[in-house]
C-alpha atoms as a PDB file:
ATOM      1  CA  MET A   1       0.031  -0.166  -0.248  1.00  0.00           C
ATOM      2  CA  GLN A   2       1.230   3.511  -0.832  1.00  0.00           C
ATOM      3  CA  PRO A   3       1.331   6.434   1.892  1.00  0.00           C
ATOM      4  CA  VAL A   4      -1.624   8.577   2.154  1.00  0.00           C
ATOM      5  CA  ILE A   5       1.002  11.331   2.957  1.00  0.00           C
ATOM      6  CA  GLY A   6       4.757  11.353   1.881  1.00  0.00           C
ATOM      7  CA  GLU A   7       6.791   9.104   0.110  1.00  0.00           C
ATOM      8  CA  LEU A   8       8.208   5.664   1.234  1.00  0.00           C
ATOM      9  CA  ASP A   9      11.841   6.849   0.937  1.00  0.00           C
ATOM     10  CA  MET A  10      11.337   9.359   3.560  1.00  0.00           C
ATOM     11  CA  VAL A  11      11.472   6.310   6.092  1.00  0.00           C
ATOM     12  CA  THR A  12      15.273   6.179   5.274  1.00  0.00           C
ATOM     13  CA  ASP A  13      16.115   9.933   4.706  1.00  0.00           C
ATOM     14  CA  GLY A  14      17.625  10.670   7.842  1.00  0.00           C
ATOM     15  CA  GLU A  15      15.332  13.077   8.880  1.00  0.00           C
ATOM     16  CA  LYS A  16      14.073  12.547  12.352  1.00  0.00           C
ATOM     17  CA  SER A  17      12.337  15.823  13.404  1.00  0.00           C
ATOM     18  CA  GLY A  18       8.913  14.614  12.778  1.00  0.00           C
ATOM     19  CA  GLY A  19       7.378  17.844  11.623  1.00  0.00           C
ATOM     20  CA  ASP A  20       5.085  18.440   8.796  1.00  0.00           C
ATOM     21  CA  GLY A  21       6.592  17.019   5.531  1.00  0.00           C
ATOM     22  CA  TYR A  22       9.039  14.655   7.408  1.00  0.00           C
ATOM     23  CA  PHE A  23       6.586  11.511   7.842  1.00  0.00           C
ATOM     24  CA  ILE A  24       4.712   9.082   6.036  1.00  0.00           C
ATOM     25  CA  GLU A  25       1.193   8.395   6.837  1.00  0.00           C
ATOM     26  CA  LEU A  26      -0.369   4.822   6.050  1.00  0.00           C
ATOM     27  CA  GLY A  27      -3.874   3.877   6.135  1.00  0.00           C
ATOM     28  CA  PRO A  28      -5.983   2.481   9.115  1.00  0.00           C
ATOM     29  CA  GLY A  29      -5.618  -0.910  10.408  1.00  0.00           C
ATOM     30  CA  PRO A  30      -2.295  -3.197  10.426  1.00  0.00           C
ATOM     31  CA  GLN A  31       0.334  -1.599   8.312  1.00  0.00           C
ATOM     32  CA  TRP A  32       3.963  -2.200   7.809  1.00  0.00           C
ATOM     33  CA  VAL A  33       7.187  -0.546   6.215  1.00  0.00           C
ATOM     34  CA  GLN A  34      10.111  -2.845   5.025  1.00  0.00           C
ATOM     35  CA  ILE A  35      13.679  -1.939   4.317  1.00  0.00           C
ATOM     36  CA  ASP A  36      15.994  -3.800   2.017  1.00  0.00           C
ATOM     37  CA  LEU A  37      19.664  -3.758   3.384  1.00  0.00           C
ATOM     38  CA  GLY A  38      20.800  -4.949   0.157  1.00  0.00           C
ATOM     39  CA  ALA A  39      22.393  -8.184   1.517  1.00  0.00           C
ATOM     40  CA  SER A  40      21.890 -10.248   4.615  1.00  0.00           C
ATOM     41  CA  HIS A  41      23.839  -8.945   7.542  1.00  0.00           C
ATOM     42  CA  PRO A  42      24.022  -9.542  11.520  1.00  0.00           C
ATOM     43  CA  LEU A  43      21.763  -6.677  12.759  1.00  0.00           C
ATOM     44  CA  SER A  44      22.814  -4.790  16.370  1.00  0.00           C
ATOM     45  CA  ALA A  45      19.940  -2.344  16.635  1.00  0.00           C
ATOM     46  CA  ILE A  46      16.953  -1.117  14.986  1.00  0.00           C
ATOM     47  CA  LEU A  47      15.611   2.449  15.879  1.00  0.00           C
ATOM     48  CA  ALA A  48      12.157   3.703  14.925  1.00  0.00           C
ATOM     49  CA  TRP A  49      10.402   7.061  15.079  1.00  0.00           C
ATOM     50  CA  HIS A  50       6.674   7.370  14.723  1.00  0.00           C
ATOM     51  CA  TYR A  51       4.994  10.463  14.538  1.00  0.00           C
ATOM     52  CA  HIS A  52       6.247  12.218  17.852  1.00  0.00           C
ATOM     53  CA  SER A  53       4.931  15.809  17.507  1.00  0.00           C
ATOM     54  CA  GLN A  54       2.163  14.830  19.751  1.00  0.00           C
ATOM     55  CA  ALA A  55       1.766  12.438  22.488  1.00  0.00           C
ATOM     56  CA  ARG A  56       0.368   9.468  21.164  1.00  0.00           C
ATOM     57  CA  VAL A  57       0.638   5.513  21.541  1.00  0.00           C
ATOM     58  CA  TYR A  58       1.166   3.424  18.614  1.00  0.00           C
ATOM     59  CA  ARG A  59      -0.925  -0.001  18.904  1.00  0.00           C
ATOM     60  CA  ASP A  60       0.759  -3.306  18.242  1.00  0.00           C
ATOM     61  CA  VAL A  61       4.416  -1.970  17.367  1.00  0.00           C
ATOM     62  CA  ASP A  62       7.002  -4.672  16.920  1.00  0.00           C
ATOM     63  CA  ARG A  63       8.348  -5.935  20.103  1.00  0.00           C
ATOM     64  CA  ALA A  64      12.326  -6.371  20.584  1.00  0.00           C
ATOM     65  CA  GLY A  65      12.188  -9.943  20.104  1.00  0.00           C
ATOM     66  CA  LEU A  66      12.998 -10.205  16.641  1.00  0.00           C
ATOM     67  CA  ARG A  67      12.511 -13.533  14.446  1.00  0.00           C
ATOM     68  CA  ARG A  68      13.471 -14.828  11.118  1.00  0.00           C
ATOM     69  CA  SER A  69      10.758 -15.531   8.319  1.00  0.00           C
ATOM     70  CA  GLY A  70       9.310 -19.049   8.412  1.00  0.00           C
ATOM     71  CA  VAL A  71       8.408 -19.295  11.899  1.00  0.00           C
ATOM     72  CA  GLN A  72       4.955 -19.926  12.635  1.00  0.00           C
ATOM     73  CA  ASP A  73       3.558 -17.622  15.431  1.00  0.00           C
ATOM     74  CA  GLY A  74      -0.261 -17.730  14.866  1.00  0.00           C
ATOM     75  CA  ARG A  75      -0.082 -14.792  12.410  1.00  0.00           C
ATOM     76  CA  HIS A  76      -2.202 -15.031   9.225  1.00  0.00           C
ATOM     77  CA  ASP A  77       0.746 -13.901   7.086  1.00  0.00           C
ATOM     78  CA  ASP A  78       1.072 -15.812   3.893  1.00  0.00           C
ATOM     79  CA  LEU A  79       4.719 -17.013   4.499  1.00  0.00           C
ATOM     80  CA  GLN A  80       5.391 -18.277   0.978  1.00  0.00           C
ATOM     81  CA  GLN A  81       5.179 -14.646  -0.257  1.00  0.00           C
ATOM     82  CA  ARG A  82       7.784 -13.256   2.220  1.00  0.00           C
ATOM     83  CA  PRO A  83      11.114 -12.471   1.040  1.00  0.00           C
ATOM     84  CA  ARG A  84      13.967 -14.743   2.304  1.00  0.00           C
ATOM     85  CA  GLN A  85      16.117 -13.369   5.230  1.00  0.00           C
ATOM     86  CA  LEU A  86      13.295 -11.376   6.585  1.00  0.00           C
ATOM     87  CA  VAL A  87      13.836 -10.006   9.927  1.00  0.00           C
ATOM     88  CA  GLU A  88      10.650  -9.028  11.397  1.00  0.00           C
ATOM     89  CA  ALA A  89       9.295  -8.562  15.072  1.00  0.00           C
ATOM     90  CA  GLY A  90       6.509 -10.257  16.712  1.00  0.00           C
ATOM     91  CA  ARG A  91       2.972  -8.320  17.419  1.00  0.00           C
ATOM     92  CA  GLY A  92       2.304  -6.108  20.236  1.00  0.00           C
ATOM     93  CA  GLN A  93       3.624  -8.427  23.154  1.00  0.00           C
ATOM     94  CA  ASP A  94       5.455  -5.562  24.937  1.00  0.00           C
ATOM     95  CA  LYS A  95       3.930  -2.790  26.976  1.00  0.00           C
ATOM     96  CA  GLU A  96       2.782   0.071  24.968  1.00  0.00           C
ATOM     97  CA  TYR A  97       4.833   3.302  25.183  1.00  0.00           C
ATOM     98  CA  ILE A  98       4.185   7.118  24.188  1.00  0.00           C
ATOM     99  CA  GLU A  99       6.154   7.957  21.338  1.00  0.00           C
ATOM    100  CA  VAL A 100       9.013  10.448  21.830  1.00  0.00           C
ATOM    101  CA  ALA A 101      11.715  12.461  19.712  1.00  0.00           C
ATOM    102  CA  GLU A 102      14.539   9.940  20.798  1.00  0.00           C
ATOM    103  CA  GLY A 103      12.790   7.193  19.004  1.00  0.00           C
ATOM    104  CA  LYS A 104      12.193   3.650  20.139  1.00  0.00           C
ATOM    105  CA  LEU A 105      15.244   1.218  20.308  1.00  0.00           C
ATOM    106  CA  PHE A 106      14.472  -2.611  19.314  1.00  0.00           C
ATOM    107  CA  ASP A 107      16.969  -5.175  20.047  1.00  0.00           C
ATOM    108  CA  PRO A 108      17.444  -7.732  17.020  1.00  0.00           C
ATOM    109  CA  LYS A 109      19.584  -9.959  19.280  1.00  0.00           C
ATOM    110  CA  GLY A 110      22.095 -10.571  16.569  1.00  0.00           C
ATOM    111  CA  ALA A 111      19.464 -11.848  14.146  1.00  0.00           C
ATOM    112  CA  LYS A 112      20.919 -12.096  10.608  1.00  0.00           C
ATOM    113  CA  GLY A 113      18.716 -10.706   7.577  1.00  0.00           C
ATOM    114  CA  ARG A 114      18.540  -8.612   4.390  1.00  0.00           C
ATOM    115  CA  TYR A 115      14.793  -7.123   5.052  1.00  0.00           C
ATOM    116  CA  VAL A 116      13.781  -5.499   8.194  1.00  0.00           C
ATOM    117  CA  ARG A 117       9.967  -5.158   8.547  1.00  0.00           C
ATOM    118  CA  LEU A 118       8.263  -3.110  11.154  1.00  0.00           C
ATOM    119  CA  SER A 119       4.365  -2.925  11.583  1.00  0.00           C
ATOM    120  CA  SER A 120       1.882  -1.063  13.630  1.00  0.00           C
ATOM    121  CA  ASN A 121      -2.102  -0.973  14.105  1.00  0.00           C
ATOM    122  CA  GLY A 122      -3.165   2.636  14.337  1.00  0.00           C
ATOM    123  CA  ASN A 123      -2.432   5.008  17.412  1.00  0.00           C
ATOM    124  CA  THR A 124      -4.519   6.646  20.475  1.00  0.00           C
ATOM    125  CA  THR A 125      -5.159   9.761  18.551  1.00  0.00           C
ATOM    126  CA  ASN A 126      -6.647   7.991  15.225  1.00  0.00           C
ATOM    127  CA  ASP A 127      -6.438   4.754  13.495  1.00  0.00           C
ATOM    128  CA  LEU A 128      -3.419   5.833  10.885  1.00  0.00           C
ATOM    129  CA  ASN A 129      -0.041   4.596  10.963  1.00  0.00           C
ATOM    130  CA  HIS A 130       2.877   7.051  10.918  1.00  0.00           C
ATOM    131  CA  TYR A 131       6.776   6.714  10.257  1.00  0.00           C
ATOM    132  CA  VAL A 132       9.281   9.360  10.600  1.00  0.00           C
ATOM    133  CA  GLU A 133      12.460   7.476  10.387  1.00  0.00           C
ATOM    134  CA  VAL A 134      13.909   3.920  10.596  1.00  0.00           C
ATOM    135  CA  GLU A 135      17.638   3.222  11.266  1.00  0.00           C
ATOM    136  CA  VAL A 136      19.300  -0.147  11.184  1.00  0.00           C
ATOM    137  CA  TYR A 137      22.569  -0.851  12.741  1.00  0.00           C
ATOM    138  CA  GLY A 138      24.709  -3.939  11.940  1.00  0.00           C
ATOM    139  CA  LEU A 139      27.786  -5.313  10.721  1.00  0.00           C
ATOM    140  CA  ALA A 140      28.891  -5.462   7.050  1.00  0.00           C
ATOM    141  CA  LYS A 141      29.925  -8.534   5.449  1.00  0.00           C
END
């Protein structure tokens, strides 16, 4: 799905301010963004910024315990259509948190992957999903 506001490449443009014109807005319900790292790498940290100019909590945000594609966890995703080497977080098992300008740190626990997927399911202000920035840290091959 294409953003309602913004362009997908804004998620990795380095701009974390979250002001008007610096975030993407995805429609209501469960939505996700995916980043292609170009090759598989061991990951050491993922930082994500949702819209933080107003106090709000995003629902079902990826938890810190990441997993590799192909592991069944009760979700209804079609695992056959997922890219290989996808590193993805589970759904909404951590406590919700108020979005802040410092971003949210997710620990991939050394998972190795080429693709990083982050998801959310609306927020406490409205049913929409917003992403300001995502940074992925790891070791190059």
